[in-house]
Amino acid sequence: MSCHSHGHDHCGHSHSTTNRNRLLLTLVLAAGYMVAEVVGGLISNSLALLADAGHMFSDVASLGLSVFAIWISSRPAGSQRTFGYYRAEILAALVNGATLVVVSFFIVYEAWQRVSDPPDVQGGLMMWIAVGGLVVNLFGLAVLHGGKEHSLNVRGAWLHVLSDTLGSVAAIVAGLLIQNFGWYIADPIISAVISVLVLVSAWRLVSDSVWVLMQAAPANISVPDLETALAETSGVLEVHDLHVWTITSGMDSVSCHIVSDGTQPHDELLQRVRDVVIDQFSIDHVTIQIEPEGFLEPHTPV
């Protein structure tokens, strides 16, 4: 006897629609201001401003990828893809994180090239264009904030916008230092510092995405505690083949085999075990197989 519980469909669709709308709005804002920053960076000869524009360009690409991932992940499952396309959002998060890593290394390299001979920069123009970028980015952060805790895909997009926000702040600070003190070296130094901070967050996103793709147990679920809770359930003699993994953000899964001690009807034991998983560990995608004591599964030929 086995149990399959799937209680996420309606909620998952609602979250996807909301996240898609958040991403689309942010995409329009980022694309609109990216052009202004590229032109302003070229006119003012500011690496910090061009770095911010580069981050914003990667935002536009990543936001477009994130929107596409949400669209394709909503497609129904088929006979060959029984989980559907849920993992598309995780792949998008991985690509976004990897892109941020590359962009961060590139900006650090460019900054290093400029430290020895910092060029003249129009600090005033650079600063005011960065102020406009900061306003746009702060609005984008606010729009995406509600979805970043529940979706790696949205979190990846949020990190891109955060990197732009930091870049805008860096450009403003560098512009002030250049305009008031003539410290042209502030432009590459601040750009490098911000890029390193972005690199740390990007690496964490890449790591989390790979963790999901490797079907590791979610960080918020203790597998030993889950196994103990199942083993201590009345009527359970043994727990084996316990697996916990994440299909996509917010959709954790459990599968296990439960050996009955024979004192409980299997349907009652099944319900009791299922309730433990759902109520105590908040996992609603559950597959449980109830086995009698001494049950031998067929061995797979080597």
C-alpha atoms as a PDB file:
ATOM      1  CA  MET A   1       0.000   0.000   0.000  1.00  0.00           C
ATOM      2  CA  SER A   2       1.332   3.450  -0.886  1.00  0.00           C
ATOM      3  CA  CYS A   3       0.292   7.063  -0.557  1.00  0.00           C
ATOM      4  CA  HIS A   4       0.885  10.023  -2.876  1.00  0.00           C
ATOM      5  CA  SER A   5      -0.010  13.468  -1.578  1.00  0.00           C
ATOM      6  CA  HIS A   6       0.149  16.578  -3.749  1.00  0.00           C
ATOM      7  CA  GLY A   7      -1.229  19.706  -2.148  1.00  0.00           C
ATOM      8  CA  HIS A   8       0.768  22.374  -3.941  1.00  0.00           C
ATOM      9  CA  ASP A   9      -0.803  22.762  -7.387  1.00  0.00           C
ATOM     10  CA  HIS A  10      -3.201  25.675  -6.834  1.00  0.00           C
ATOM     11  CA  CYS A  11      -0.847  27.511  -4.498  1.00  0.00           C
ATOM     12  CA  GLY A  12       2.088  26.943  -6.863  1.00  0.00           C
ATOM     13  CA  HIS A  13       0.141  28.383  -9.819  1.00  0.00           C
ATOM     14  CA  SER A  14      -0.806  31.465  -7.797  1.00  0.00           C
ATOM     15  CA  HIS A  15       2.810  32.063  -6.724  1.00  0.00           C
ATOM     16  CA  SER A  16       4.016  31.615 -10.332  1.00  0.00           C
ATOM     17  CA  THR A  17       1.553  34.187 -11.668  1.00  0.00           C
ATOM     18  CA  THR A  18       2.483  36.726  -8.982  1.00  0.00           C
ATOM     19  CA  ASN A  19       6.205  36.171  -9.484  1.00  0.00           C
ATOM     20  CA  ARG A  20       5.856  36.472 -13.258  1.00  0.00           C
ATOM     21  CA  ASN A  21       4.130  39.856 -12.887  1.00  0.00           C
ATOM     22  CA  ARG A  22       6.839  41.030 -10.480  1.00  0.00           C
ATOM     23  CA  LEU A  23       9.565  39.991 -12.897  1.00  0.00           C
ATOM     24  CA  LEU A  24       7.877  41.588 -15.922  1.00  0.00           C
ATOM     25  CA  LEU A  25       7.498  44.948 -14.188  1.00  0.00           C
ATOM     26  CA  THR A  26      11.109  44.903 -13.037  1.00  0.00           C
ATOM     27  CA  LEU A  27      12.255  43.864 -16.527  1.00  0.00           C
ATOM     28  CA  VAL A  28      10.585  46.890 -18.125  1.00  0.00           C
ATOM     29  CA  LEU A  29      12.168  49.261 -15.586  1.00  0.00           C
ATOM     30  CA  ALA A  30      15.640  47.758 -15.932  1.00  0.00           C
ATOM     31  CA  ALA A  31      15.586  47.764 -19.732  1.00  0.00           C
ATOM     32  CA  GLY A  32      14.448  51.385 -19.821  1.00  0.00           C
ATOM     33  CA  TYR A  33      17.177  52.720 -17.564  1.00  0.00           C
ATOM     34  CA  MET A  34      19.963  50.503 -18.883  1.00  0.00           C
ATOM     35  CA  VAL A  35      20.182  52.588 -22.058  1.00  0.00           C
ATOM     36  CA  ALA A  36      20.559  55.809 -20.065  1.00  0.00           C
ATOM     37  CA  GLU A  37      23.385  54.334 -17.984  1.00  0.00           C
ATOM     38  CA  VAL A  38      25.307  53.026 -20.990  1.00  0.00           C
ATOM     39  CA  VAL A  39      25.148  56.417 -22.721  1.00  0.00           C
ATOM     40  CA  GLY A  40      25.991  58.259 -19.501  1.00  0.00           C
ATOM     41  CA  GLY A  41      28.882  55.944 -18.705  1.00  0.00           C
ATOM     42  CA  LEU A  42      30.423  56.444 -22.152  1.00  0.00           C
ATOM     43  CA  ILE A  43      30.021  60.238 -22.015  1.00  0.00           C
ATOM     44  CA  SER A  44      31.382  60.569 -18.463  1.00  0.00           C
ATOM     45  CA  ASN A  45      34.106  57.910 -18.988  1.00  0.00           C
ATOM     46  CA  SER A  46      33.082  56.265 -15.694  1.00  0.00           C
ATOM     47  CA  LEU A  47      33.876  52.597 -15.095  1.00  0.00           C
ATOM     48  CA  ALA A  48      31.626  52.566 -12.029  1.00  0.00           C
ATOM     49  CA  LEU A  49      28.716  53.761 -14.162  1.00  0.00           C
ATOM     50  CA  LEU A  50      29.508  51.325 -16.964  1.00  0.00           C
ATOM     51  CA  ALA A  51      29.847  48.559 -14.365  1.00  0.00           C
ATOM     52  CA  ASP A  52      26.405  49.446 -13.099  1.00  0.00           C
ATOM     53  CA  ALA A  53      25.101  49.454 -16.682  1.00  0.00           C
ATOM     54  CA  GLY A  54      26.757  46.097 -17.256  1.00  0.00           C
ATOM     55  CA  HIS A  55      25.019  44.700 -14.206  1.00  0.00           C
ATOM     56  CA  MET A  56      21.751  46.166 -15.444  1.00  0.00           C
ATOM     57  CA  PHE A  57      22.270  44.536 -18.849  1.00  0.00           C
ATOM     58  CA  SER A  58      22.781  41.211 -17.119  1.00  0.00           C
ATOM     59  CA  ASP A  59      19.603  42.019 -15.165  1.00  0.00           C
ATOM     60  CA  VAL A  60      17.608  42.462 -18.351  1.00  0.00           C
ATOM     61  CA  ALA A  61      18.879  39.131 -19.664  1.00  0.00           C
ATOM     62  CA  SER A  62      18.365  37.347 -16.338  1.00  0.00           C
ATOM     63  CA  LEU A  63      14.900  38.797 -15.815  1.00  0.00           C
ATOM     64  CA  GLY A  64      13.903  37.698 -19.302  1.00  0.00           C
ATOM     65  CA  LEU A  65      15.267  34.233 -18.557  1.00  0.00           C
ATOM     66  CA  SER A  66      13.399  34.143 -15.248  1.00  0.00           C
ATOM     67  CA  VAL A  67      10.106  35.093 -16.917  1.00  0.00           C
ATOM     68  CA  PHE A  68      10.674  32.396 -19.547  1.00  0.00           C
ATOM     69  CA  ALA A  69      11.470  29.852 -16.828  1.00  0.00           C
ATOM     70  CA  ILE A  70       8.219  30.614 -14.994  1.00  0.00           C
ATOM     71  CA  TRP A  71       6.278  30.268 -18.246  1.00  0.00           C
ATOM     72  CA  ILE A  72       7.810  26.932 -19.208  1.00  0.00           C
ATOM     73  CA  SER A  73       7.618  25.555 -15.655  1.00  0.00           C
ATOM     74  CA  SER A  74       3.837  26.017 -15.755  1.00  0.00           C
ATOM     75  CA  ARG A  75       3.492  23.633 -18.703  1.00  0.00           C
ATOM     76  CA  PRO A  76       1.772  20.355 -17.801  1.00  0.00           C
ATOM     77  CA  ALA A  77       3.684  17.156 -17.128  1.00  0.00           C
ATOM     78  CA  GLY A  78       3.906  14.545 -19.881  1.00  0.00           C
ATOM     79  CA  SER A  79       4.596  10.843 -20.154  1.00  0.00           C
ATOM     80  CA  GLN A  80       8.352  11.448 -20.494  1.00  0.00           C
ATOM     81  CA  ARG A  81       8.586  14.391 -18.074  1.00  0.00           C
ATOM     82  CA  THR A  82       6.480  13.225 -15.162  1.00  0.00           C
ATOM     83  CA  PHE A  83       7.473  16.184 -12.967  1.00  0.00           C
ATOM     84  CA  GLY A  84       6.787  18.616 -15.785  1.00  0.00           C
ATOM     85  CA  TYR A  85       9.180  21.546 -16.222  1.00  0.00           C
ATOM     86  CA  TYR A  86       9.477  22.678 -12.609  1.00  0.00           C
ATOM     87  CA  ARG A  87      13.272  22.475 -12.698  1.00  0.00           C
ATOM     88  CA  ALA A  88      13.398  25.177 -15.394  1.00  0.00           C
ATOM     89  CA  GLU A  89      13.282  27.788 -12.617  1.00  0.00           C
ATOM     90  CA  ILE A  90      16.260  26.186 -10.862  1.00  0.00           C
ATOM     91  CA  LEU A  91      18.220  26.132 -14.124  1.00  0.00           C
ATOM     92  CA  ALA A  92      17.409  29.824 -14.629  1.00  0.00           C
ATOM     93  CA  ALA A  93      18.663  30.592 -11.112  1.00  0.00           C
ATOM     94  CA  LEU A  94      21.885  28.671 -11.847  1.00  0.00           C
ATOM     95  CA  VAL A  95      22.471  30.579 -15.096  1.00  0.00           C
ATOM     96  CA  ASN A  96      21.753  33.912 -13.393  1.00  0.00           C
ATOM     97  CA  GLY A  97      24.185  33.145 -10.588  1.00  0.00           C
ATOM     98  CA  ALA A  98      26.890  32.041 -13.019  1.00  0.00           C
ATOM     99  CA  THR A  99      26.377  35.205 -15.089  1.00  0.00           C
ATOM    100  CA  LEU A 100      26.824  37.380 -12.018  1.00  0.00           C
ATOM    101  CA  VAL A 101      30.064  35.556 -11.191  1.00  0.00           C
ATOM    102  CA  VAL A 102      31.443  36.248 -14.685  1.00  0.00           C
ATOM    103  CA  VAL A 103      30.363  39.912 -14.665  1.00  0.00           C
ATOM    104  CA  SER A 104      31.895  40.425 -11.209  1.00  0.00           C
ATOM    105  CA  PHE A 105      35.249  38.991 -12.292  1.00  0.00           C
ATOM    106  CA  PHE A 106      35.218  41.155 -15.421  1.00  0.00           C
ATOM    107  CA  ILE A 107      34.576  44.357 -13.450  1.00  0.00           C
ATOM    108  CA  VAL A 108      37.336  43.504 -10.943  1.00  0.00           C
ATOM    109  CA  TYR A 109      39.734  42.935 -13.848  1.00  0.00           C
ATOM    110  CA  GLU A 110      38.808  46.257 -15.480  1.00  0.00           C
ATOM    111  CA  ALA A 111      39.165  48.041 -12.147  1.00  0.00           C
ATOM    112  CA  TRP A 112      42.651  46.584 -11.669  1.00  0.00           C
ATOM    113  CA  GLN A 113      43.640  47.882 -15.098  1.00  0.00           C
ATOM    114  CA  ARG A 114      42.500  51.400 -14.139  1.00  0.00           C
ATOM    115  CA  VAL A 115      44.020  51.607 -10.645  1.00  0.00           C
ATOM    116  CA  SER A 116      47.543  52.296 -11.908  1.00  0.00           C
ATOM    117  CA  ASP A 117      46.398  55.040 -14.272  1.00  0.00           C
ATOM    118  CA  PRO A 118      42.864  56.232 -13.433  1.00  0.00           C
ATOM    119  CA  PRO A 119      41.373  58.246 -16.330  1.00  0.00           C
ATOM    120  CA  ASP A 120      39.533  61.555 -15.983  1.00  0.00           C
ATOM    121  CA  VAL A 121      35.875  61.039 -15.079  1.00  0.00           C
ATOM    122  CA  GLN A 122      32.990  63.534 -15.175  1.00  0.00           C
ATOM    123  CA  GLY A 123      31.953  63.072 -11.564  1.00  0.00           C
ATOM    124  CA  GLY A 124      28.845  65.266 -11.638  1.00  0.00           C
ATOM    125  CA  LEU A 125      27.228  63.618 -14.680  1.00  0.00           C
ATOM    126  CA  MET A 126      28.178  60.189 -13.393  1.00  0.00           C
ATOM    127  CA  MET A 127      26.614  60.908  -9.995  1.00  0.00           C
ATOM    128  CA  TRP A 128      23.258  62.164 -11.281  1.00  0.00           C
ATOM    129  CA  ILE A 129      22.789  59.309 -13.724  1.00  0.00           C
ATOM    130  CA  ALA A 130      23.593  56.897 -10.893  1.00  0.00           C
ATOM    131  CA  VAL A 131      20.952  58.571  -8.704  1.00  0.00           C
ATOM    132  CA  GLY A 132      18.315  57.795 -11.337  1.00  0.00           C
ATOM    133  CA  GLY A 133      19.555  54.213 -11.502  1.00  0.00           C
ATOM    134  CA  LEU A 134      19.371  53.919  -7.736  1.00  0.00           C
ATOM    135  CA  VAL A 135      15.703  54.978  -7.721  1.00  0.00           C
ATOM    136  CA  VAL A 136      14.841  52.430 -10.415  1.00  0.00           C
ATOM    137  CA  ASN A 137      16.759  49.665  -8.639  1.00  0.00           C
ATOM    138  CA  LEU A 138      15.220  50.351  -5.248  1.00  0.00           C
ATOM    139  CA  PHE A 139      11.780  50.098  -6.797  1.00  0.00           C
ATOM    140  CA  GLY A 140      12.776  46.817  -8.463  1.00  0.00           C
ATOM    141  CA  LEU A 141      14.027  45.430  -5.137  1.00  0.00           C
ATOM    142  CA  ALA A 142      10.720  46.313  -3.485  1.00  0.00           C
ATOM    143  CA  VAL A 143       8.730  44.635  -6.280  1.00  0.00           C
ATOM    144  CA  LEU A 144      10.746  41.395  -6.141  1.00  0.00           C
ATOM    145  CA  HIS A 145      11.166  41.236  -2.349  1.00  0.00           C
ATOM    146  CA  GLY A 146       7.948  39.306  -1.712  1.00  0.00           C
ATOM    147  CA  GLY A 147       8.959  36.404  -3.951  1.00  0.00           C
ATOM    148  CA  LYS A 148      12.644  35.921  -3.176  1.00  0.00           C
ATOM    149  CA  GLU A 149      12.120  33.788  -0.056  1.00  0.00           C
ATOM    150  CA  HIS A 150      10.004  31.235  -1.911  1.00  0.00           C
ATOM    151  CA  SER A 151      11.703  30.977  -5.307  1.00  0.00           C
ATOM    152  CA  LEU A 152      15.371  30.554  -6.214  1.00  0.00           C
ATOM    153  CA  ASN A 153      14.473  31.930  -9.631  1.00  0.00           C
ATOM    154  CA  VAL A 154      13.110  35.194  -8.183  1.00  0.00           C
ATOM    155  CA  ARG A 155      15.967  35.263  -5.680  1.00  0.00           C
ATOM    156  CA  GLY A 156      18.426  35.166  -8.580  1.00  0.00           C
ATOM    157  CA  ALA A 157      16.687  38.093 -10.254  1.00  0.00           C
ATOM    158  CA  TRP A 158      16.549  39.953  -6.915  1.00  0.00           C
ATOM    159  CA  LEU A 159      20.299  39.476  -6.467  1.00  0.00           C
ATOM    160  CA  HIS A 160      20.914  40.925  -9.924  1.00  0.00           C
ATOM    161  CA  VAL A 161      18.876  44.008  -9.010  1.00  0.00           C
ATOM    162  CA  LEU A 162      20.629  44.219  -5.634  1.00  0.00           C
ATOM    163  CA  SER A 163      23.984  44.196  -7.402  1.00  0.00           C
ATOM    164  CA  ASP A 164      22.788  47.101  -9.546  1.00  0.00           C
ATOM    165  CA  THR A 165      21.585  48.944  -6.452  1.00  0.00           C
ATOM    166  CA  LEU A 166      25.017  48.582  -4.860  1.00  0.00           C
ATOM    167  CA  GLY A 167      26.588  49.634  -8.150  1.00  0.00           C
ATOM    168  CA  SER A 168      24.452  52.779  -8.217  1.00  0.00           C
ATOM    169  CA  VAL A 169      25.444  53.618  -4.648  1.00  0.00           C
ATOM    170  CA  ALA A 170      29.088  53.036  -5.569  1.00  0.00           C
ATOM    171  CA  ALA A 171      28.793  55.303  -8.592  1.00  0.00           C
ATOM    172  CA  ILE A 172      27.196  58.059  -6.482  1.00  0.00           C
ATOM    173  CA  VAL A 173      29.943  57.852  -3.834  1.00  0.00           C
ATOM    174  CA  ALA A 174      32.662  57.792  -6.490  1.00  0.00           C
ATOM    175  CA  GLY A 175      31.050  60.753  -8.248  1.00  0.00           C
ATOM    176  CA  LEU A 176      31.036  62.790  -5.024  1.00  0.00           C
ATOM    177  CA  LEU A 177      34.686  61.966  -4.317  1.00  0.00           C
ATOM    178  CA  ILE A 178      35.718  62.847  -7.856  1.00  0.00           C
ATOM    179  CA  GLN A 179      33.705  66.057  -8.012  1.00  0.00           C
ATOM    180  CA  ASN A 180      34.770  67.360  -4.594  1.00  0.00           C
ATOM    181  CA  PHE A 181      38.307  66.005  -4.178  1.00  0.00           C
ATOM    182  CA  GLY A 182      39.441  64.919  -7.636  1.00  0.00           C
ATOM    183  CA  TRP A 183      39.964  61.343  -6.435  1.00  0.00           C
ATOM    184  CA  TYR A 184      39.635  59.595  -9.792  1.00  0.00           C
ATOM    185  CA  ILE A 185      40.975  56.383  -8.313  1.00  0.00           C
ATOM    186  CA  ALA A 186      37.763  56.098  -6.282  1.00  0.00           C
ATOM    187  CA  ASP A 187      35.962  54.985  -9.458  1.00  0.00           C
ATOM    188  CA  PRO A 188      37.816  51.670 -10.014  1.00  0.00           C
ATOM    189  CA  ILE A 189      38.326  50.924  -6.307  1.00  0.00           C
ATOM    190  CA  ILE A 190      34.650  51.244  -5.385  1.00  0.00           C
ATOM    191  CA  SER A 191      33.663  49.253  -8.482  1.00  0.00           C
ATOM    192  CA  ALA A 192      35.945  46.398  -7.428  1.00  0.00           C
ATOM    193  CA  VAL A 193      34.669  46.357  -3.838  1.00  0.00           C
ATOM    194  CA  ILE A 194      31.031  46.196  -4.950  1.00  0.00           C
ATOM    195  CA  SER A 195      31.816  43.446  -7.471  1.00  0.00           C
ATOM    196  CA  VAL A 196      33.413  41.309  -4.747  1.00  0.00           C
ATOM    197  CA  LEU A 197      30.305  41.697  -2.573  1.00  0.00           C
ATOM    198  CA  VAL A 198      28.109  40.691  -5.509  1.00  0.00           C
ATOM    199  CA  LEU A 199      30.385  37.719  -6.185  1.00  0.00           C
ATOM    200  CA  VAL A 200      29.766  36.322  -2.696  1.00  0.00           C
ATOM    201  CA  SER A 201      25.965  36.430  -3.126  1.00  0.00           C
ATOM    202  CA  ALA A 202      26.177  35.039  -6.658  1.00  0.00           C
ATOM    203  CA  TRP A 203      28.295  32.112  -5.514  1.00  0.00           C
ATOM    204  CA  ARG A 204      25.733  31.284  -2.819  1.00  0.00           C
ATOM    205  CA  LEU A 205      22.964  31.281  -5.427  1.00  0.00           C
ATOM    206  CA  VAL A 206      24.970  28.962  -7.688  1.00  0.00           C
ATOM    207  CA  SER A 207      25.655  26.656  -4.741  1.00  0.00           C
ATOM    208  CA  ASP A 208      21.972  26.498  -3.733  1.00  0.00           C
ATOM    209  CA  SER A 209      20.904  25.804  -7.318  1.00  0.00           C
ATOM    210  CA  VAL A 210      23.417  22.983  -7.731  1.00  0.00           C
ATOM    211  CA  TRP A 211      22.296  21.580  -4.365  1.00  0.00           C
ATOM    212  CA  VAL A 212      18.730  21.319  -5.678  1.00  0.00           C
ATOM    213  CA  LEU A 213      19.815  19.793  -9.000  1.00  0.00           C
ATOM    214  CA  MET A 214      21.864  17.195  -7.088  1.00  0.00           C
ATOM    215  CA  GLN A 215      18.647  16.291  -5.201  1.00  0.00           C
ATOM    216  CA  ALA A 216      20.175  17.024  -1.811  1.00  0.00           C
ATOM    217  CA  ALA A 217      17.905  17.358   1.200  1.00  0.00           C
ATOM    218  CA  PRO A 218      16.584  20.908   1.787  1.00  0.00           C
ATOM    219  CA  ALA A 219      18.637  22.858   4.326  1.00  0.00           C
ATOM    220  CA  ASN A 220      15.554  23.548   6.470  1.00  0.00           C
ATOM    221  CA  ILE A 221      14.696  19.859   6.930  1.00  0.00           C
ATOM    222  CA  SER A 222      16.626  17.537   9.240  1.00  0.00           C
ATOM    223  CA  VAL A 223      16.505  14.075   7.695  1.00  0.00           C
ATOM    224  CA  PRO A 224      17.611  12.339  10.937  1.00  0.00           C
ATOM    225  CA  ASP A 225      14.785  14.107  12.824  1.00  0.00           C
ATOM    226  CA  LEU A 226      12.297  13.071  10.149  1.00  0.00           C
ATOM    227  CA  GLU A 227      13.485   9.463  10.282  1.00  0.00           C
ATOM    228  CA  THR A 228      13.218   9.444  14.082  1.00  0.00           C
ATOM    229  CA  ALA A 229       9.702  10.913  14.008  1.00  0.00           C
ATOM    230  CA  LEU A 230       8.577   8.271  11.513  1.00  0.00           C
ATOM    231  CA  ALA A 231      10.215   5.432  13.450  1.00  0.00           C
ATOM    232  CA  GLU A 232       8.501   6.541  16.681  1.00  0.00           C
ATOM    233  CA  THR A 233       5.052   6.572  15.067  1.00  0.00           C
ATOM    234  CA  SER A 234       2.736   3.943  16.550  1.00  0.00           C
ATOM    235  CA  GLY A 235       2.622   0.848  14.352  1.00  0.00           C
ATOM    236  CA  VAL A 236       5.985   1.459  12.644  1.00  0.00           C
ATOM    237  CA  LEU A 237       8.609  -1.259  13.036  1.00  0.00           C
ATOM    238  CA  GLU A 238      11.250   0.142  10.680  1.00  0.00           C
ATOM    239  CA  VAL A 239      11.904   2.978   8.233  1.00  0.00           C
ATOM    240  CA  HIS A 240      14.156   2.522   5.218  1.00  0.00           C
ATOM    241  CA  ASP A 241      14.874   4.010   1.769  1.00  0.00           C
ATOM    242  CA  LEU A 242      14.056   7.482   3.106  1.00  0.00           C
ATOM    243  CA  HIS A 243      14.693  10.226   0.529  1.00  0.00           C
ATOM    244  CA  VAL A 244      14.082  13.954   0.879  1.00  0.00           C
ATOM    245  CA  TRP A 245      14.712  16.368  -1.986  1.00  0.00           C
ATOM    246  CA  THR A 246      13.503  19.574  -3.635  1.00  0.00           C
ATOM    247  CA  ILE A 247      11.763  19.503  -7.011  1.00  0.00           C
ATOM    248  CA  THR A 248      11.732  23.289  -7.311  1.00  0.00           C
ATOM    249  CA  SER A 249      11.633  26.197  -4.879  1.00  0.00           C
ATOM    250  CA  GLY A 250       8.878  25.674  -2.321  1.00  0.00           C
ATOM    251  CA  MET A 251       8.163  22.102  -3.448  1.00  0.00           C
ATOM    252  CA  ASP A 252       9.915  19.577  -1.195  1.00  0.00           C
ATOM    253  CA  SER A 253       9.330  15.842  -1.543  1.00  0.00           C
ATOM    254  CA  VAL A 254       9.631  12.750   0.618  1.00  0.00           C
ATOM    255  CA  SER A 255       9.574   9.075  -0.291  1.00  0.00           C
ATOM    256  CA  CYS A 256      10.140   6.172   2.097  1.00  0.00           C
ATOM    257  CA  HIS A 257       9.302   2.562   2.927  1.00  0.00           C
ATOM    258  CA  ILE A 258       7.592   1.837   6.236  1.00  0.00           C
ATOM    259  CA  VAL A 259       7.664  -1.654   7.753  1.00  0.00           C
ATOM    260  CA  SER A 260       4.500  -2.292   9.762  1.00  0.00           C
ATOM    261  CA  ASP A 261       4.611  -4.158  13.072  1.00  0.00           C
ATOM    262  CA  GLY A 262       1.240  -5.723  12.210  1.00  0.00           C
ATOM    263  CA  THR A 263      -0.723  -4.061  15.025  1.00  0.00           C
ATOM    264  CA  GLN A 264      -2.407  -1.437  12.832  1.00  0.00           C
ATOM    265  CA  PRO A 265      -4.495  -1.644   9.665  1.00  0.00           C
ATOM    266  CA  HIS A 266      -2.315  -0.451   6.799  1.00  0.00           C
ATOM    267  CA  ASP A 267      -4.664   2.352   5.786  1.00  0.00           C
ATOM    268  CA  GLU A 268      -4.650   3.798   9.319  1.00  0.00           C
ATOM    269  CA  LEU A 269      -0.867   3.494   9.570  1.00  0.00           C
ATOM    270  CA  LEU A 270      -0.487   5.143   6.197  1.00  0.00           C
ATOM    271  CA  GLN A 271      -2.608   8.107   7.284  1.00  0.00           C
ATOM    272  CA  ARG A 272      -0.712   8.435  10.586  1.00  0.00           C
ATOM    273  CA  VAL A 273       2.693   8.426   8.893  1.00  0.00           C
ATOM    274  CA  ARG A 274       1.525  10.887   6.242  1.00  0.00           C
ATOM    275  CA  ASP A 275       0.274  13.266   8.942  1.00  0.00           C
ATOM    276  CA  VAL A 276       3.683  13.204  10.640  1.00  0.00           C
ATOM    277  CA  VAL A 277       5.425  14.257   7.427  1.00  0.00           C
ATOM    278  CA  ILE A 278       2.926  16.983   6.560  1.00  0.00           C
ATOM    279  CA  ASP A 279       2.163  18.406  10.009  1.00  0.00           C
ATOM    280  CA  GLN A 280       5.616  18.263  11.606  1.00  0.00           C
ATOM    281  CA  PHE A 281       7.814  18.904   8.569  1.00  0.00           C
ATOM    282  CA  SER A 282       5.472  20.813   6.211  1.00  0.00           C
ATOM    283  CA  ILE A 283       6.156  18.559   3.229  1.00  0.00           C
ATOM    284  CA  ASP A 284       3.036  17.858   1.196  1.00  0.00           C
ATOM    285  CA  HIS A 285       4.537  15.921  -1.725  1.00  0.00           C
ATOM    286  CA  VAL A 286       4.678  12.523  -0.009  1.00  0.00           C
ATOM    287  CA  THR A 287       5.133   8.987  -1.335  1.00  0.00           C
ATOM    288  CA  ILE A 288       4.976   6.203   1.264  1.00  0.00           C
ATOM    289  CA  GLN A 289       5.080   2.431   0.806  1.00  0.00           C
ATOM    290  CA  ILE A 290       3.778   0.264   3.659  1.00  0.00           C
ATOM    291  CA  GLU A 291       5.361  -3.186   3.902  1.00  0.00           C
ATOM    292  CA  PRO A 292       4.649  -6.172   6.172  1.00  0.00           C
ATOM    293  CA  GLU A 293       7.447  -7.485   8.379  1.00  0.00           C
ATOM    294  CA  GLY A 294       9.747  -9.795   6.447  1.00  0.00           C
ATOM    295  CA  PHE A 295       8.779  -8.343   3.070  1.00  0.00           C
ATOM    296  CA  LEU A 296      11.602  -8.849   0.567  1.00  0.00           C
ATOM    297  CA  GLU A 297      11.883  -6.552  -2.414  1.00  0.00           C
ATOM    298  CA  PRO A 298      13.168  -8.007  -5.692  1.00  0.00           C
ATOM    299  CA  HIS A 299      16.870  -7.340  -6.233  1.00  0.00           C
ATOM    300  CA  THR A 300      17.998  -5.426  -9.280  1.00  0.00           C
ATOM    301  CA  PRO A 301      20.389  -7.519 -11.370  1.00  0.00           C
ATOM    302  CA  VAL A 302      23.959  -6.209 -11.377  1.00  0.00           C
END
